[in-house]
Amino acid sequence: MNARRLFIAGMVQGVGYRDWMVARARALGLDGWVRNLADGRVEALLSGPEAIIEEMLRACRRGPPGAVVERIVEEWAEVPEGRGFFRR
């Protein structure tokens, strides 16, 4: 299992990005969470097999309809203790 923390910038708040991400991550069987940041970015922690994380990253670069993803900054993270994917 691997884990990555993402900081997603662009028009990603107010367009359903978090709900979209929760649904997509759960469908892929990933663990972690997603939340809005005060500076307009979305932060997420993804945990799971590397190939599935990469698939989710590709989807995150597009996002849901209405989102405009300008950039994603990734960093390695520790695998979370709990199971499931949640919106914070």
PDB file of N, CA and C in Angstrom:
ATOM      1  N   MET A   1       0.835  -1.183   0.000  1.00  0.00           N
ATOM      2  CA  MET A   1       0.000   0.000   0.000  1.00  0.00           C
ATOM      3  C   MET A   1       0.881   1.249   0.000  1.00  0.00           C
ATOM      4  N   ASN A   2       0.442   2.224  -0.770  1.00  0.00           N
ATOM      5  CA  ASN A   2       1.119   3.510  -0.851  1.00  0.00           C
ATOM      6  C   ASN A   2       0.122   4.597  -0.484  1.00  0.00           C
ATOM      7  N   ALA A   3       0.643   5.790  -0.208  1.00  0.00           N
ATOM      8  CA  ALA A   3      -0.240   6.920   0.080  1.00  0.00           C
ATOM      9  C   ALA A   3       0.371   8.186  -0.496  1.00  0.00           C
ATOM     10  N   ARG A   4      -0.494   9.049  -1.012  1.00  0.00           N
ATOM     11  CA  ARG A   4      -0.070  10.345  -1.546  1.00  0.00           C
ATOM     12  C   ARG A   4      -1.006  11.427  -1.053  1.00  0.00           C
ATOM     13  N   ARG A   5      -0.421  12.570  -0.745  1.00  0.00           N
ATOM     14  CA  ARG A   5      -1.200  13.760  -0.402  1.00  0.00           C
ATOM     15  C   ARG A   5      -1.205  14.641  -1.641  1.00  0.00           C
ATOM     16  N   LEU A   6      -2.381  15.144  -2.006  1.00  0.00           N
ATOM     17  CA  LEU A   6      -2.539  15.980  -3.187  1.00  0.00           C
ATOM     18  C   LEU A   6      -3.031  17.358  -2.780  1.00  0.00           C
ATOM     19  N   PHE A   7      -2.524  18.363  -3.460  1.00  0.00           N
ATOM     20  CA  PHE A   7      -3.010  19.729  -3.332  1.00  0.00           C
ATOM     21  C   PHE A   7      -3.442  20.149  -4.729  1.00  0.00           C
ATOM     22  N   ILE A   8      -4.745  20.306  -4.928  1.00  0.00           N
ATOM     23  CA  ILE A   8      -5.325  20.509  -6.248  1.00  0.00           C
ATOM     24  C   ILE A   8      -5.767  21.969  -6.359  1.00  0.00           C
ATOM     25  N   ALA A   9      -5.214  22.666  -7.352  1.00  0.00           N
ATOM     26  CA  ALA A   9      -5.489  24.098  -7.521  1.00  0.00           C
ATOM     27  C   ALA A   9      -6.257  24.341  -8.815  1.00  0.00           C
ATOM     28  N   GLY A  10      -7.007  25.419  -8.827  1.00  0.00           N
ATOM     29  CA  GLY A  10      -7.796  25.814  -9.990  1.00  0.00           C
ATOM     30  C   GLY A  10      -9.211  26.127  -9.523  1.00  0.00           C
ATOM     31  N   MET A  11     -10.171  25.957 -10.419  1.00  0.00           N
ATOM     32  CA  MET A  11     -11.569  26.121 -10.035  1.00  0.00           C
ATOM     33  C   MET A  11     -12.052  24.751  -9.558  1.00  0.00           C
ATOM     34  N   VAL A  12     -11.786  24.479  -8.281  1.00  0.00           N
ATOM     35  CA  VAL A  12     -12.086  23.165  -7.720  1.00  0.00           C
ATOM     36  C   VAL A  12     -12.987  23.239  -6.491  1.00  0.00           C
ATOM     37  N   GLN A  13     -13.383  24.432  -6.095  1.00  0.00           N
ATOM     38  CA  GLN A  13     -14.360  24.572  -5.009  1.00  0.00           C
ATOM     39  C   GLN A  13     -15.645  25.141  -5.596  1.00  0.00           C
ATOM     40  N   GLY A  14     -16.763  24.628  -5.095  1.00  0.00           N
ATOM     41  CA  GLY A  14     -18.056  25.097  -5.585  1.00  0.00           C
ATOM     42  C   GLY A  14     -18.507  24.420  -6.866  1.00  0.00           C
ATOM     43  N   VAL A  15     -17.810  23.362  -7.278  1.00  0.00           N
ATOM     44  CA  VAL A  15     -18.160  22.647  -8.512  1.00  0.00           C
ATOM     45  C   VAL A  15     -18.389  21.148  -8.264  1.00  0.00           C
ATOM     46  N   GLY A  16     -18.487  20.757  -6.983  1.00  0.00           N
ATOM     47  CA  GLY A  16     -18.734  19.351  -6.655  1.00  0.00           C
ATOM     48  C   GLY A  16     -17.503  18.475  -6.696  1.00  0.00           C
ATOM     49  N   TYR A  17     -16.324  19.075  -6.648  1.00  0.00           N
ATOM     50  CA  TYR A  17     -15.086  18.295  -6.760  1.00  0.00           C
ATOM     51  C   TYR A  17     -14.955  17.279  -5.624  1.00  0.00           C
ATOM     52  N   ARG A  18     -15.225  17.690  -4.390  1.00  0.00           N
ATOM     53  CA  ARG A  18     -15.070  16.758  -3.267  1.00  0.00           C
ATOM     54  C   ARG A  18     -16.034  15.586  -3.369  1.00  0.00           C
ATOM     55  N   ASP A  19     -17.293  15.857  -3.665  1.00  0.00           N
ATOM     56  CA  ASP A  19     -18.263  14.762  -3.785  1.00  0.00           C
ATOM     57  C   ASP A  19     -17.891  13.829  -4.933  1.00  0.00           C
ATOM     58  N   TRP A  20     -17.459  14.408  -6.047  1.00  0.00           N
ATOM     59  CA  TRP A  20     -17.007  13.602  -7.179  1.00  0.00           C
ATOM     60  C   TRP A  20     -15.825  12.726  -6.765  1.00  0.00           C
ATOM     61  N   MET A  21     -14.891  13.312  -6.026  1.00  0.00           N
ATOM     62  CA  MET A  21     -13.701  12.579  -5.623  1.00  0.00           C
ATOM     63  C   MET A  21     -14.040  11.440  -4.660  1.00  0.00           C
ATOM     64  N   VAL A  22     -14.958  11.685  -3.736  1.00  0.00           N
ATOM     65  CA  VAL A  22     -15.380  10.634  -2.808  1.00  0.00           C
ATOM     66  C   VAL A  22     -15.979   9.464  -3.590  1.00  0.00           C
ATOM     67  N   ALA A  23     -16.883   9.750  -4.505  1.00  0.00           N
ATOM     68  CA  ALA A  23     -17.524   8.686  -5.288  1.00  0.00           C
ATOM     69  C   ALA A  23     -16.506   7.914  -6.110  1.00  0.00           C
ATOM     70  N   ARG A  24     -15.607   8.643  -6.757  1.00  0.00           N
ATOM     71  CA  ARG A  24     -14.596   7.995  -7.617  1.00  0.00           C
ATOM     72  C   ARG A  24     -13.630   7.147  -6.791  1.00  0.00           C
ATOM     73  N   ALA A  25     -13.144   7.691  -5.669  1.00  0.00           N
ATOM     74  CA  ALA A  25     -12.192   6.963  -4.818  1.00  0.00           C
ATOM     75  C   ALA A  25     -12.836   5.713  -4.227  1.00  0.00           C
ATOM     76  N   ARG A  26     -14.083   5.834  -3.794  1.00  0.00           N
ATOM     77  CA  ARG A  26     -14.781   4.659  -3.245  1.00  0.00           C
ATOM     78  C   ARG A  26     -14.972   3.592  -4.316  1.00  0.00           C
ATOM     79  N   ALA A  27     -15.324   4.015  -5.535  1.00  0.00           N
ATOM     80  CA  ALA A  27     -15.508   3.054  -6.634  1.00  0.00           C
ATOM     81  C   ALA A  27     -14.209   2.312  -6.938  1.00  0.00           C
ATOM     82  N   LEU A  28     -13.074   2.986  -6.758  1.00  0.00           N
ATOM     83  CA  LEU A  28     -11.774   2.363  -7.012  1.00  0.00           C
ATOM     84  C   LEU A  28     -11.245   1.597  -5.799  1.00  0.00           C
ATOM     85  N   GLY A  29     -11.907   1.728  -4.660  1.00  0.00           N
ATOM     86  CA  GLY A  29     -11.477   1.018  -3.457  1.00  0.00           C
ATOM     87  C   GLY A  29     -10.337   1.686  -2.708  1.00  0.00           C
ATOM     88  N   LEU A  30     -10.163   2.991  -2.904  1.00  0.00           N
ATOM     89  CA  LEU A  30      -9.103   3.717  -2.210  1.00  0.00           C
ATOM     90  C   LEU A  30      -9.540   4.117  -0.805  1.00  0.00           C
ATOM     91  N   ASP A  31      -8.575   4.303   0.059  1.00  0.00           N
ATOM     92  CA  ASP A  31      -8.798   4.843   1.391  1.00  0.00           C
ATOM     93  C   ASP A  31      -8.288   6.277   1.414  1.00  0.00           C
ATOM     94  N   GLY A  32      -8.782   7.063   2.392  1.00  0.00           N
ATOM     95  CA  GLY A  32      -8.286   8.420   2.559  1.00  0.00           C
ATOM     96  C   GLY A  32      -9.391   9.421   2.785  1.00  0.00           C
ATOM     97  N   TRP A  33      -9.135  10.659   2.376  1.00  0.00           N
ATOM     98  CA  TRP A  33     -10.076  11.743   2.613  1.00  0.00           C
ATOM     99  C   TRP A  33      -9.814  12.892   1.640  1.00  0.00           C
ATOM    100  N   VAL A  34     -10.765  13.827   1.598  1.00  0.00           N
ATOM    101  CA  VAL A  34     -10.651  15.030   0.771  1.00  0.00           C
ATOM    102  C   VAL A  34     -11.291  16.185   1.536  1.00  0.00           C
ATOM    103  N   ARG A  35     -10.704  17.381   1.394  1.00  0.00           N
ATOM    104  CA  ARG A  35     -11.263  18.563   2.058  1.00  0.00           C
ATOM    105  C   ARG A  35     -10.897  19.826   1.297  1.00  0.00           C
ATOM    106  N   ASN A  36     -11.700  20.881   1.495  1.00  0.00           N
ATOM    107  CA  ASN A  36     -11.387  22.198   0.953  1.00  0.00           C
ATOM    108  C   ASN A  36     -10.378  22.889   1.853  1.00  0.00           C
ATOM    109  N   LEU A  37      -9.518  23.695   1.256  1.00  0.00           N
ATOM    110  CA  LEU A  37      -8.600  24.545   2.001  1.00  0.00           C
ATOM    111  C   LEU A  37      -9.059  25.997   1.882  1.00  0.00           C
ATOM    112  N   ALA A  38      -8.704  26.809   2.852  1.00  0.00           N
ATOM    113  CA  ALA A  38      -9.133  28.213   2.880  1.00  0.00           C
ATOM    114  C   ALA A  38      -8.603  29.005   1.693  1.00  0.00           C
ATOM    115  N   ASP A  39      -7.500  28.566   1.084  1.00  0.00           N
ATOM    116  CA  ASP A  39      -6.909  29.304  -0.042  1.00  0.00           C
ATOM    117  C   ASP A  39      -7.521  28.937  -1.394  1.00  0.00           C
ATOM    118  N   GLY A  40      -8.597  28.132  -1.402  1.00  0.00           N
ATOM    119  CA  GLY A  40      -9.277  27.780  -2.645  1.00  0.00           C
ATOM    120  C   GLY A  40      -8.854  26.460  -3.253  1.00  0.00           C
ATOM    121  N   ARG A  41      -7.825  25.838  -2.700  1.00  0.00           N
ATOM    122  CA  ARG A  41      -7.407  24.523  -3.195  1.00  0.00           C
ATOM    123  C   ARG A  41      -8.198  23.417  -2.514  1.00  0.00           C
ATOM    124  N   VAL A  42      -8.076  22.218  -3.062  1.00  0.00           N
ATOM    125  CA  VAL A  42      -8.613  21.009  -2.449  1.00  0.00           C
ATOM    126  C   VAL A  42      -7.414  20.159  -2.047  1.00  0.00           C
ATOM    127  N   GLU A  43      -7.455  19.599  -0.838  1.00  0.00           N
ATOM    128  CA  GLU A  43      -6.412  18.698  -0.356  1.00  0.00           C
ATOM    129  C   GLU A  43      -7.006  17.309  -0.237  1.00  0.00           C
ATOM    130  N   ALA A  44      -6.236  16.297  -0.610  1.00  0.00           N
ATOM    131  CA  ALA A  44      -6.716  14.926  -0.515  1.00  0.00           C
ATOM    132  C   ALA A  44      -5.580  14.006  -0.111  1.00  0.00           C
ATOM    133  N   LEU A  45      -5.934  12.933   0.559  1.00  0.00           N
ATOM    134  CA  LEU A  45      -5.000  11.861   0.887  1.00  0.00           C
ATOM    135  C   LEU A  45      -5.543  10.600   0.248  1.00  0.00           C
ATOM    136  N   LEU A  46      -4.749   9.993  -0.621  1.00  0.00           N
ATOM    137  CA  LEU A  46      -5.134   8.765  -1.311  1.00  0.00           C
ATOM    138  C   LEU A  46      -4.257   7.633  -0.815  1.00  0.00           C
ATOM    139  N   SER A  47      -4.849   6.487  -0.517  1.00  0.00           N
ATOM    140  CA  SER A  47      -4.086   5.329  -0.070  1.00  0.00           C
ATOM    141  C   SER A  47      -4.622   4.085  -0.751  1.00  0.00           C
ATOM    142  N   GLY A  48      -3.695   3.280  -1.286  1.00  0.00           N
ATOM    143  CA  GLY A  48      -4.083   2.049  -1.961  1.00  0.00           C
ATOM    144  C   GLY A  48      -2.945   1.551  -2.827  1.00  0.00           C
ATOM    145  N   PRO A  49      -3.228   0.598  -3.683  1.00  0.00           N
ATOM    146  CA  PRO A  49      -2.205   0.098  -4.600  1.00  0.00           C
ATOM    147  C   PRO A  49      -1.755   1.209  -5.562  1.00  0.00           C
ATOM    148  N   GLU A  50      -0.488   1.211  -5.903  1.00  0.00           N
ATOM    149  CA  GLU A  50       0.088   2.275  -6.725  1.00  0.00           C
ATOM    150  C   GLU A  50      -0.654   2.461  -8.055  1.00  0.00           C
ATOM    151  N   ALA A  51      -1.005   1.384  -8.720  1.00  0.00           N
ATOM    152  CA  ALA A  51      -1.690   1.498 -10.012  1.00  0.00           C
ATOM    153  C   ALA A  51      -3.045   2.193  -9.870  1.00  0.00           C
ATOM    154  N   ILE A  52      -3.741   1.937  -8.775  1.00  0.00           N
ATOM    155  CA  ILE A  52      -5.046   2.551  -8.554  1.00  0.00           C
ATOM    156  C   ILE A  52      -4.884   4.027  -8.194  1.00  0.00           C
ATOM    157  N   ILE A  53      -3.869   4.346  -7.400  1.00  0.00           N
ATOM    158  CA  ILE A  53      -3.590   5.753  -7.099  1.00  0.00           C
ATOM    159  C   ILE A  53      -3.293   6.511  -8.384  1.00  0.00           C
ATOM    160  N   GLU A  54      -2.497   5.934  -9.269  1.00  0.00           N
ATOM    161  CA  GLU A  54      -2.177   6.580 -10.550  1.00  0.00           C
ATOM    162  C   GLU A  54      -3.430   6.786 -11.388  1.00  0.00           C
ATOM    163  N   GLU A  55      -4.324   5.809 -11.387  1.00  0.00           N
ATOM    164  CA  GLU A  55      -5.590   5.949 -12.121  1.00  0.00           C
ATOM    165  C   GLU A  55      -6.407   7.108 -11.555  1.00  0.00           C
ATOM    166  N   MET A  56      -6.456   7.214 -10.231  1.00  0.00           N
ATOM    167  CA  MET A  56      -7.187   8.300  -9.589  1.00  0.00           C
ATOM    168  C   MET A  56      -6.538   9.642  -9.902  1.00  0.00           C
ATOM    169  N   LEU A  57      -5.223   9.700  -9.922  1.00  0.00           N
ATOM    170  CA  LEU A  57      -4.526  10.945 -10.263  1.00  0.00           C
ATOM    171  C   LEU A  57      -4.876  11.412 -11.668  1.00  0.00           C
ATOM    172  N   ARG A  58      -4.939  10.493 -12.607  1.00  0.00           N
ATOM    173  CA  ARG A  58      -5.330  10.855 -13.977  1.00  0.00           C
ATOM    174  C   ARG A  58      -6.737  11.446 -13.989  1.00  0.00           C
ATOM    175  N   ALA A  59      -7.643  10.840 -13.229  1.00  0.00           N
ATOM    176  CA  ALA A  59      -9.011  11.354 -13.152  1.00  0.00           C
ATOM    177  C   ALA A  59      -9.042  12.720 -12.471  1.00  0.00           C
ATOM    178  N   CYS A  60      -8.234  12.902 -11.436  1.00  0.00           N
ATOM    179  CA  CYS A  60      -8.204  14.174 -10.705  1.00  0.00           C
ATOM    180  C   CYS A  60      -7.713  15.320 -11.586  1.00  0.00           C
ATOM    181  N   ARG A  61      -6.876  15.036 -12.548  1.00  0.00           N
ATOM    182  CA  ARG A  61      -6.383  16.089 -13.447  1.00  0.00           C
ATOM    183  C   ARG A  61      -7.508  16.649 -14.315  1.00  0.00           C
ATOM    184  N   ARG A  62      -8.541  15.843 -14.564  1.00  0.00           N
ATOM    185  CA  ARG A  62      -9.713  16.306 -15.312  1.00  0.00           C
ATOM    186  C   ARG A  62     -10.774  16.837 -14.360  1.00  0.00           C
ATOM    187  N   GLY A  63     -11.062  16.075 -13.308  1.00  0.00           N
ATOM    188  CA  GLY A  63     -12.082  16.463 -12.342  1.00  0.00           C
ATOM    189  C   GLY A  63     -13.479  16.306 -12.906  1.00  0.00           C
ATOM    190  N   PRO A  64     -14.479  16.732 -12.142  1.00  0.00           N
ATOM    191  CA  PRO A  64     -15.868  16.629 -12.592  1.00  0.00           C
ATOM    192  C   PRO A  64     -16.199  17.746 -13.582  1.00  0.00           C
ATOM    193  N   PRO A  65     -17.349  17.650 -14.259  1.00  0.00           N
ATOM    194  CA  PRO A  65     -17.775  18.749 -15.134  1.00  0.00           C
ATOM    195  C   PRO A  65     -17.847  20.051 -14.331  1.00  0.00           C
ATOM    196  N   GLY A  66     -17.357  21.121 -14.898  1.00  0.00           N
ATOM    197  CA  GLY A  66     -17.364  22.414 -14.236  1.00  0.00           C
ATOM    198  C   GLY A  66     -16.064  22.752 -13.533  1.00  0.00           C
ATOM    199  N   ALA A  67     -15.248  21.751 -13.246  1.00  0.00           N
ATOM    200  CA  ALA A  67     -13.957  21.998 -12.599  1.00  0.00           C
ATOM    201  C   ALA A  67     -12.914  22.370 -13.650  1.00  0.00           C
ATOM    202  N   VAL A  68     -11.981  23.207 -13.235  1.00  0.00           N
ATOM    203  CA  VAL A  68     -10.819  23.536 -14.073  1.00  0.00           C
ATOM    204  C   VAL A  68      -9.589  23.324 -13.191  1.00  0.00           C
ATOM    205  N   VAL A  69      -8.903  22.214 -13.411  1.00  0.00           N
ATOM    206  CA  VAL A  69      -7.726  21.885 -12.618  1.00  0.00           C
ATOM    207  C   VAL A  69      -6.515  22.520 -13.277  1.00  0.00           C
ATOM    208  N   GLU A  70      -5.865  23.429 -12.555  1.00  0.00           N
ATOM    209  CA  GLU A  70      -4.677  24.107 -13.070  1.00  0.00           C
ATOM    210  C   GLU A  70      -3.407  23.334 -12.754  1.00  0.00           C
ATOM    211  N   ARG A  71      -3.336  22.774 -11.550  1.00  0.00           N
ATOM    212  CA  ARG A  71      -2.154  21.983 -11.194  1.00  0.00           C
ATOM    213  C   ARG A  71      -2.456  21.121  -9.978  1.00  0.00           C
ATOM    214  N   ILE A  72      -1.699  20.045  -9.875  1.00  0.00           N
ATOM    215  CA  ILE A  72      -1.761  19.165  -8.709  1.00  0.00           C
ATOM    216  C   ILE A  72      -0.344  18.983  -8.197  1.00  0.00           C
ATOM    217  N   VAL A  73      -0.147  19.310  -6.938  1.00  0.00           N
ATOM    218  CA  VAL A  73       1.134  19.067  -6.275  1.00  0.00           C
ATOM    219  C   VAL A  73       0.958  17.798  -5.451  1.00  0.00           C
ATOM    220  N   GLU A  74       1.870  16.842  -5.659  1.00  0.00           N
ATOM    221  CA  GLU A  74       1.801  15.560  -4.952  1.00  0.00           C
ATOM    222  C   GLU A  74       2.977  15.436  -4.003  1.00  0.00           C
ATOM    223  N   GLU A  75       2.731  14.761  -2.898  1.00  0.00           N
ATOM    224  CA  GLU A  75       3.826  14.384  -2.010  1.00  0.00           C
ATOM    225  C   GLU A  75       3.495  13.034  -1.394  1.00  0.00           C
ATOM    226  N   TRP A  76       4.540  12.262  -1.082  1.00  0.00           N
ATOM    227  CA  TRP A  76       4.331  10.974  -0.431  1.00  0.00           C
ATOM    228  C   TRP A  76       3.786  11.224   0.959  1.00  0.00           C
ATOM    229  N   ALA A  77       2.983  10.302   1.447  1.00  0.00           N
ATOM    230  CA  ALA A  77       2.375  10.436   2.769  1.00  0.00           C
ATOM    231  C   ALA A  77       2.358   9.073   3.454  1.00  0.00           C
ATOM    232  N   GLU A  78       2.062   9.100   4.736  1.00  0.00           N
ATOM    233  CA  GLU A  78       1.914   7.858   5.487  1.00  0.00           C
ATOM    234  C   GLU A  78       0.529   7.277   5.235  1.00  0.00           C
ATOM    235  N   VAL A  79       0.457   5.970   5.176  1.00  0.00           N
ATOM    236  CA  VAL A  79      -0.815   5.278   4.957  1.00  0.00           C
ATOM    237  C   VAL A  79      -1.719   5.539   6.167  1.00  0.00           C
ATOM    238  N   PRO A  80      -2.965   5.987   5.937  1.00  0.00           N
ATOM    239  CA  PRO A  80      -3.863   6.251   7.067  1.00  0.00           C
ATOM    240  C   PRO A  80      -4.260   4.963   7.774  1.00  0.00           C
ATOM    241  N   GLU A  81      -4.640   5.101   9.026  1.00  0.00           N
ATOM    242  CA  GLU A  81      -5.017   3.946   9.847  1.00  0.00           C
ATOM    243  C   GLU A  81      -6.356   3.343   9.430  1.00  0.00           C
ATOM    244  N   GLY A  82      -7.344   4.185   9.162  1.00  0.00           N
ATOM    245  CA  GLY A  82      -8.694   3.691   8.902  1.00  0.00           C
ATOM    246  C   GLY A  82      -8.921   3.266   7.464  1.00  0.00           C
ATOM    247  N   ARG A  83     -10.054   2.628   7.255  1.00  0.00           N
ATOM    248  CA  ARG A  83     -10.465   2.186   5.920  1.00  0.00           C
ATOM    249  C   ARG A  83     -11.591   3.090   5.427  1.00  0.00           C
ATOM    250  N   GLY A  84     -11.727   3.182   4.112  1.00  0.00           N
ATOM    251  CA  GLY A  84     -12.786   3.975   3.509  1.00  0.00           C
ATOM    252  C   GLY A  84     -12.258   5.327   3.036  1.00  0.00           C
ATOM    253  N   PHE A  85     -13.096   6.023   2.272  1.00  0.00           N
ATOM    254  CA  PHE A  85     -12.723   7.341   1.754  1.00  0.00           C
ATOM    255  C   PHE A  85     -13.818   8.322   2.152  1.00  0.00           C
ATOM    256  N   PHE A  86     -13.409   9.451   2.758  1.00  0.00           N
ATOM    257  CA  PHE A  86     -14.358  10.365   3.370  1.00  0.00           C
ATOM    258  C   PHE A  86     -14.118  11.810   2.969  1.00  0.00           C
ATOM    259  N   ARG A  87     -15.177  12.575   3.061  1.00  0.00           N
ATOM    260  CA  ARG A  87     -15.109  14.015   2.868  1.00  0.00           C
ATOM    261  C   ARG A  87     -14.970  14.660   4.243  1.00  0.00           C
ATOM    262  N   ARG A  88     -14.012  15.543   4.384  1.00  0.00           N
ATOM    263  CA  ARG A  88     -13.810  16.241   5.671  1.00  0.00           C
ATOM    264  C   ARG A  88     -14.369  17.630   5.601  1.00  0.00           C
TER     265      ARG A  88
END
